[in-house]
Amino acid sequence: MNIYAGSSLLVSYIILLLGTYIYQKDPKNELNRMFTVFCVLLGYLAFTEFGYRQAVDADTAYIWLKAAFVWPFVLPLFVHLILIFTKKVTFLKKKLVYVLLYGPAFLFSALEVTTDLLSGGYQKMYWGWTYTIPEERLLYSIHIVWIIMLAVLSLLLLLQYCYETEEPAEKQRATYVLVGVSIPAIIVSVTDVVLPLINIRVPETAVPAVALGVVFTVYGMWKYKLFILTPAVAAEDIVASMSNILFLVKKDGTVSLANQAALDLLGYQKSELVGQPLSCIVTEQEWRKIQDQLHSLAEKPFIRNRETTVVTKEGKLTPVLLSVSVIRDKYGNNLGMTCVGSDLTDHRKAEEAQRKEVLLKEIHHRVKNNMQIMSSLLSLQSEYITDEQYKEMFKDSQNRIKSMALVHEKLYQSKTLEHINVREYIADMVNRLVRSYPQDITVTMEVDDVSIGVDTAVPCGLIINELVTNTLKHAFSGEKGEIIVGFHKSDGEIELQVADNGVGIPDTIDFRTTETLGLQLVTILAEDQLDGTVQLTRNKGTAFCINFKSEQDAL
């Protein structure tokens, strides 16, 4: 038997054996299955190479050469394999990727079977029968460029993955695969591409070179568990990707492993933390407490959900919820401990915000109650007043207090504790005022469904209280009437309007200089507190219009 043909047969056997071995490691793993398909294709091509190298005549060699028509699928399958290995499986969900990857392979395979435009004819060399380079080289050159593009793409994908992956074991796996790809690529590009183009022929090395890459990759699999799903491999991936912090601490108290979440939380590089005593991230006093607690739990040395703090590289104390467990070998010897925890910073902030919310809600509730007590005291005191003018003054004061108390009541009922709904607030306040007077008054509400903060709600409420009270007292003289209350927000401006169809304010009265306390309050609140303007219209009644800029809390 031709020694070169025998080497091809041996390579075919080795590749098929390795493919079977990989498949048996984890048949359900997509990477294992694709690697096995790749090995089967290589094994078949190595066997056809054996066939035409040891063929007894030209016709037999030609048949074996045509039997190798599937060789264009080698590189597309390899790129497919690399996409799975580098975790870029999202690309494989797109039909266009399959068309671009396997479409040219189908075309070149069809041309290989039906024509001699790719492999030319056949010739006898010292290593046996082999193919020739076609005289018309356009299509041959196109397919060479396609092969080079796929090979370069594979190398780039592996280089990118080696650069981006942070897990040391995964980086080692990727390095082995990269070397396993690079060596055959260099060998084949010289012996099967460059030399034939300059009419120098040597035995083809594509199949044995790729087989060498397969052997190298399988060695990487054996060394770094590339294709095997074991508890150890799963544990490595879980530790690397888990969001909780994790430390492995030796018996002497030094850190032997810290996952990425722990490094990110503490601000250390892995080389800075591994080998250091745990006391550099946990205070000495806290470390002694943990050891004492574990010692007291001799039978089941496990601490669950201990609230403590860790010290970052910058010296900042960060709250964590830590669980600690002692690691023992099968003989019960203490090897060290695992520390698993979660960052409590966000949880503490949420608790603090909740405490503040409860406190603020309680404050609003107590302010409202205190104002109601003040209003009740005024009401009781007014019972002993015989002068109707003074009694009316007490009543006005009560209404002012109630309008402010209503703000705090609405804030207490609000979900945000910062804003109240204007429509609900004004409706409740105006209806309460109207009910306190015996006239037949119709109220029309033209209020936008917006929310405002307490700094705006209190002065607006007092203004509405004064204007509506003033209308109820003086506008209708016991007759029927209508009050219109409006509140509109547009383009950063708020318009507050209180109008009636009553007798109107006489032209001789200037609301800015009148000695009436209610109108004085309206002017002061509108111009000084809200920084707005007040306009009075005397047309078939009275209409006050207050305009001011909306604060950021007006929604």
Foldseek 3Di string as FASTA:
>chain_A
DQPLLVVLLVLLVLLQVLLVVLCVQPVVDPLSVLSSVLSNLLSLLSNLVSQQFPPPDQVSNQVSQLVNLQVLCNLLSVLVSLCVLLVVCVCVVDPVSCCVSCVVSVVSSVCSNPHCQAQNGWDADPRGIGTAHHPPCPVNVVSVVVSVVSLVSSLVSLVVSLVPDDQVLSNLLSVLLNVLSVQLVVVQCVAPNVCNVVPHHDPHCNSVSNSSSSVSNVVSCVVSVSSHDDPVVVVSVCQQPPLWWKFWAFPVQATQDTYPNNCVVQVHDGVVRHRHGQCQFFPPVVVVVLVVQQVVVVVFSKAFQDWGWTQHPVRDTWIKGKIKGFDADPVRDTGTMMIIIHTCPVVVVVVVVVVVVVVLLVVLVVLLVVLVVVLVVLVVVLVPDDDPVVSVVSVLVSLLSNLLSLLSVQLSVDPVSFKGFPVVSLVVSLVVLVVVAPAAEAEAEAEDGKIAGSLPSSLLSLLSSLVSNVCSVPFAVRYYWYWYWYWDDDPQKIKTKIWIQGPADDPVDDLCPDPDPSSVSNVCSQCPSQVWDWDWDGDSTIMIMIMHGGDPRID
